[in-house]
Protein backbone atom coordinates (compact mmCIF):
# COMPACT_ATOMS: atom_id res chain seq x y z
CA UNK A 1 -53.20 46.30 38.45
CA UNK A 2 -51.09 48.93 39.70
CA UNK A 3 -51.57 48.26 43.15
CA UNK A 4 -50.86 44.49 42.15
CA UNK A 5 -47.34 45.25 40.70
CA UNK A 6 -44.23 45.25 42.35
CA UNK A 7 -41.49 45.13 39.16
CA UNK A 8 -41.02 48.74 39.47
CA UNK A 9 -38.81 48.40 42.40
CA UNK A 10 -35.06 47.75 41.62
CA UNK A 11 -34.12 43.75 41.76
CA UNK A 12 -37.29 42.75 41.63
CA UNK A 13 -38.59 41.31 38.34
CA UNK A 14 -41.30 38.74 37.36
CA UNK A 15 -40.59 35.52 38.82
CA UNK A 16 -39.76 37.26 42.71
CA UNK A 17 -43.22 39.44 41.77
CA UNK A 18 -44.74 36.43 41.24
CA UNK A 19 -43.23 34.48 44.38
CA UNK A 20 -44.35 37.58 46.54
CA UNK A 21 -47.74 36.92 45.45
CA UNK A 22 -47.43 33.09 45.76
CA UNK A 23 -47.12 34.56 49.55
CA UNK A 24 -50.64 36.11 49.55
CA UNK A 25 -49.12 39.50 49.41
CA UNK A 26 -51.79 41.05 46.52
CA UNK A 27 -51.11 44.68 46.86
CA UNK A 28 -48.62 47.40 48.04
CA UNK A 29 -50.74 48.06 51.39
CA UNK A 30 -50.11 44.03 52.30
CA UNK A 31 -46.06 43.79 51.37
CA UNK A 32 -45.85 46.87 53.85
CA UNK A 33 -47.83 44.77 56.56
CA UNK A 34 -46.15 41.24 55.84
CA UNK A 35 -42.44 40.78 54.75
CA UNK A 36 -41.95 37.83 52.49
CA UNK A 37 -40.65 34.95 53.76
CA UNK A 38 -37.95 34.62 51.18
CA UNK A 39 -36.67 37.82 51.19
CA UNK A 40 -34.04 39.59 53.93
CA UNK A 41 -35.26 42.31 56.14
CA UNK A 42 -32.42 44.70 54.39
CA UNK A 43 -34.54 44.01 50.76
CA UNK A 44 -37.84 44.12 52.40
CA UNK A 45 -37.17 47.64 54.10
CA UNK A 46 -35.46 48.83 50.81
CA UNK A 47 -38.41 47.74 48.81
CA UNK A 48 -40.83 49.53 51.50
CA UNK A 49 -39.39 52.58 50.72
CA UNK A 50 -39.67 52.20 46.85
CA UNK A 51 -43.67 50.84 47.74
CA UNK A 52 -44.26 54.30 49.76
CA UNK A 53 -42.60 56.35 47.04
CA UNK A 54 -44.84 54.62 44.70
CA UNK A 55 -47.83 55.57 46.54
CA UNK A 56 -46.94 59.52 47.12
CA UNK A 57 -46.62 59.35 43.22
CA UNK A 58 -49.91 57.54 42.37
CA UNK A 59 -51.06 60.57 40.69
CA UNK A 60 -47.85 61.04 38.54
CA UNK A 61 -48.18 59.11 35.48
CA UNK A 62 -44.82 59.68 34.54
CA UNK A 63 -43.17 58.57 37.24
CA UNK A 64 -44.78 54.70 36.62
CA UNK A 65 -43.96 55.01 32.98
CA UNK A 66 -40.77 55.76 33.54
CA UNK A 67 -40.34 52.66 36.60
CA UNK A 68 -41.98 49.92 34.37
CA UNK A 69 -40.46 48.83 30.68
CA UNK A 70 -42.74 49.62 27.97
CA UNK A 71 -43.63 45.89 27.36
CA UNK A 72 -45.40 46.58 31.27
CA UNK A 73 -47.04 49.84 30.46
CA UNK A 74 -50.28 47.88 30.05
CA UNK A 75 -50.67 47.30 33.64
CA UNK A 76 -50.97 51.14 34.13
CA UNK A 77 -54.29 51.35 31.79
CA UNK A 78 -56.47 51.04 34.28
CA UNK A 79 -55.26 53.45 36.84
CA UNK A 80 -55.17 56.34 34.14
CA UNK A 81 -57.67 55.24 31.38
CA UNK A 82 -59.03 58.75 31.93
CA UNK A 83 -56.36 60.36 30.67
CA UNK A 84 -56.10 57.69 27.67
CA UNK A 85 -55.48 58.64 23.92
CA UNK A 86 -56.72 55.69 21.45
CA UNK A 87 -54.74 56.81 18.13
CA UNK A 88 -53.92 55.65 14.86
CA UNK A 89 -52.54 57.46 11.83
CA UNK A 90 -53.08 56.86 8.01
CA UNK A 91 -49.95 58.18 5.55
CA UNK A 92 -49.44 58.41 2.35
CA UNK A 93 -46.16 57.23 -0.07
CA UNK A 94 -45.36 60.21 -2.33
CA UNK A 95 -43.22 59.52 -5.80
CA UNK A 96 -40.13 60.22 -4.11
CA UNK A 97 -40.49 57.53 -1.20
CA UNK A 98 -41.21 59.86 1.42
CA UNK A 99 -44.30 58.81 3.66
CA UNK A 100 -46.39 61.68 4.85
CA UNK A 101 -49.16 61.71 7.52
CA UNK A 102 -52.38 62.38 5.83
CA UNK A 103 -54.82 61.52 8.92
CA UNK A 104 -54.45 61.13 12.83
CA UNK A 105 -57.39 60.32 14.96
CA UNK A 106 -57.94 60.33 18.63
CA UNK A 107 -60.58 58.74 20.22
CA UNK A 108 -60.56 59.84 23.93
CA UNK A 109 -63.60 57.24 25.31
CA UNK A 110 -66.31 59.88 24.47
CA UNK A 111 -64.95 61.47 21.31
CA UNK A 112 -63.51 61.19 18.06
CA UNK A 113 -61.16 63.81 16.80
CA UNK A 114 -59.56 64.00 13.42
CA UNK A 115 -56.63 65.68 12.12
CA UNK A 116 -56.27 66.28 8.22
CA UNK A 117 -53.41 67.46 6.40
CA UNK A 118 -54.10 70.54 4.65
CA UNK A 119 -56.84 71.39 6.62
CA UNK A 120 -56.03 71.05 10.53
CA UNK A 121 -53.32 68.74 10.96
CA UNK A 122 -51.03 71.62 13.14
CA UNK A 123 -53.96 71.35 15.63
CA UNK A 124 -52.60 68.05 16.54
CA UNK A 125 -49.42 68.90 18.80
CA UNK A 126 -51.68 70.67 21.25
CA UNK A 127 -54.74 68.39 21.65
CA UNK A 128 -52.37 65.27 22.64
CA UNK A 129 -50.18 67.56 25.05
CA UNK A 130 -53.78 66.78 27.70
CA UNK A 131 -53.21 63.08 27.54
CA UNK A 132 -50.74 60.85 29.48
CA UNK A 133 -51.42 57.43 27.74
CA UNK A 134 -51.57 56.42 24.22
CA UNK A 135 -53.25 53.47 22.96
CA UNK A 136 -52.10 52.07 19.76
CA UNK A 137 -52.14 49.05 17.21
CA UNK A 138 -48.27 48.81 16.05
CA UNK A 139 -47.89 51.93 17.20
CA UNK A 140 -44.71 52.03 18.70
CA UNK A 141 -42.73 50.76 15.58
CA UNK A 142 -44.95 53.10 13.21
CA UNK A 143 -47.30 55.68 14.58
CA UNK A 144 -45.43 57.18 17.13
CA UNK A 145 -41.87 57.27 15.23
CA UNK A 146 -44.37 58.58 12.01
CA UNK A 147 -45.35 61.57 14.50
CA UNK A 148 -42.13 62.11 15.86
CA UNK A 149 -41.11 62.74 11.76
CA UNK A 150 -43.40 65.18 11.35
CA UNK A 151 -43.77 66.98 14.38
CA UNK A 152 -39.98 67.54 15.23
CA UNK A 153 -40.48 68.46 19.03
CA UNK A 154 -43.81 66.68 19.29
CA UNK A 155 -45.26 65.53 22.79
CA UNK A 156 -45.91 61.67 22.95
CA UNK A 157 -48.04 60.57 26.27
CA UNK A 158 -45.31 58.86 28.54
CA UNK A 159 -47.48 55.75 28.97
CA UNK A 160 -47.55 54.12 25.58
CA UNK A 161 -49.51 50.42 24.84
CA UNK A 162 -49.16 48.88 21.85
CA UNK A 163 -51.87 46.33 21.51
CA UNK A 164 -50.03 44.22 18.94
CA UNK A 165 -47.78 43.34 21.65
CA UNK A 166 -49.96 43.29 24.51
CA UNK A 167 -51.99 40.58 22.28
CA UNK A 168 -48.65 38.20 22.01
CA UNK A 169 -48.50 38.22 25.80
CA UNK A 170 -51.89 36.40 25.13
CA UNK A 171 -50.53 34.26 22.49
CA UNK A 172 -52.75 36.43 19.81
CA UNK A 173 -51.14 37.41 16.69
CA UNK A 174 -52.50 39.53 13.44
CA UNK A 175 -53.55 42.31 11.92
CA UNK A 176 -56.07 44.65 14.04
CA UNK A 177 -58.97 43.85 11.71
CA UNK A 178 -58.39 39.85 11.95
CA UNK A 179 -58.34 40.84 16.15
CA UNK A 180 -61.42 42.57 16.25
CA UNK A 181 -62.99 39.27 14.34
CA UNK A 182 -61.39 37.49 17.14
CA UNK A 183 -63.05 39.15 20.04
CA UNK A 184 -66.34 39.99 18.04
CA UNK A 185 -65.72 43.40 17.53
CA UNK A 186 -68.11 44.47 14.28
CA UNK A 187 -67.42 47.23 11.95
CA UNK A 188 -70.06 49.75 10.28
CA UNK A 189 -70.90 47.78 7.06
CA UNK A 190 -70.17 50.84 4.69
CA UNK A 191 -66.23 50.25 6.10
CA UNK A 192 -66.42 46.63 7.19
CA UNK A 193 -64.45 45.75 3.92
CA UNK A 194 -61.84 48.45 4.01
CA UNK A 195 -58.12 47.95 4.78
CA UNK A 196 -54.86 50.03 4.82
CA UNK A 197 -54.42 49.75 0.97
CA UNK A 198 -57.99 51.17 0.56
CA UNK A 199 -57.66 53.79 3.08
CA UNK A 200 -54.45 54.81 0.63
CA UNK A 201 -56.76 55.09 -2.05
CA UNK A 202 -59.29 57.30 -0.73
CA UNK A 203 -56.76 59.95 0.21
CA UNK A 204 -55.49 59.89 -3.22
CA UNK A 205 -58.85 60.53 -4.65
CA UNK A 206 -59.23 62.75 -2.30
CA UNK A 207 -55.99 65.09 -3.18
CA UNK A 208 -56.26 64.59 -7.02
CA UNK A 209 -59.90 65.26 -7.48
CA UNK A 210 -60.59 67.02 -4.04
CA UNK A 211 -63.25 64.34 -3.56
CA UNK A 212 -64.64 65.38 0.01
CA UNK A 213 -66.71 61.93 -0.40
CA UNK A 214 -63.46 59.94 -0.07
CA UNK A 215 -62.19 61.84 2.55
CA UNK A 216 -64.92 61.41 4.54
CA UNK A 217 -64.85 57.64 4.20
CA UNK A 218 -61.08 57.60 4.76
CA UNK A 219 -61.87 59.84 7.99
CA UNK A 220 -64.72 57.02 9.67
CA UNK A 221 -62.16 54.36 8.85
CA UNK A 222 -59.83 56.08 10.80
CA UNK A 223 -62.67 56.28 13.25
CA UNK A 224 -63.12 53.09 13.50
CA UNK A 225 -59.51 51.98 14.13
CA UNK A 226 -59.26 54.45 16.77
CA UNK A 227 -62.77 53.69 18.81
CA UNK A 228 -62.09 49.80 18.44
CA UNK A 229 -58.93 50.15 20.16
CA UNK A 230 -60.84 50.87 23.50
CA UNK A 231 -62.74 47.47 23.44
CA UNK A 232 -60.10 45.61 22.51
CA UNK A 233 -57.62 47.47 25.24
CA UNK A 234 -60.32 46.96 27.60
CA UNK A 235 -60.39 42.91 27.16
CA UNK A 236 -56.72 42.44 26.89
CA UNK A 237 -56.17 44.15 30.35
CA UNK A 238 -58.76 42.29 31.64
CA UNK A 239 -57.39 38.90 30.55
CA UNK A 240 -53.86 39.66 31.52
CA UNK A 241 -54.63 40.70 34.68
CA UNK A 242 -56.47 36.78 35.18
CA UNK A 243 -53.33 35.47 33.66
CA UNK A 244 -51.14 37.05 35.82
CA UNK A 245 -52.48 36.88 39.00
CA UNK A 246 -55.83 35.49 38.87
CA UNK A 247 -54.62 31.89 39.20
CA UNK A 248 -53.18 32.97 42.64
CA UNK A 249 -55.99 35.04 44.10
CA UNK A 250 -59.54 33.57 43.26
């Protein structure tokens, strides 16, 4: 989808991009060979310069993260998925109304790594620094701001895809568990009925009674929250790609 994208070029928006596609110009290389009929020669030359710059930066995710609005970062998923962290956090609300991060989970597409308060939470900062893309559910409004509060100078991957808002582009609303059911994503029986409230209770049971079994169950719950983001993101990407350009290029 990155090579099909033109909205990273200044002055080109969604409507103009679609006009370009309708002219049979599906990607950057087509554009360099064919000027859209509706575009002036001067603007065409400017766009060509921007496209050549994009081609030269194809291995630089930061370049495109800055060029595209966050609402369109999903377009970068396929190009940089090898550098993707699927992230979810658990929190605890203390008596003084301070919300603290208790567990941070990261799935890299193959392995899940948990970071737990009081155990190895401080190792998160070094671990996250190797990723260029982060996929979350409601992360742009909750998880990522919470991490920034917890770690004052934390690195956050430049490409940030919040599935909650990606799904809204497809007309789908609801929490993660509900969305998983819509996409036929199953959870293991022992954690299938758990939700955020249960996660909070599990942490408090562990913290108050040093019950490692509660912590282990909480980590398994968080693991599913992270792992299930990948098939959900994969499916959303394919649906959006078809929605955006599938009706034009069949």
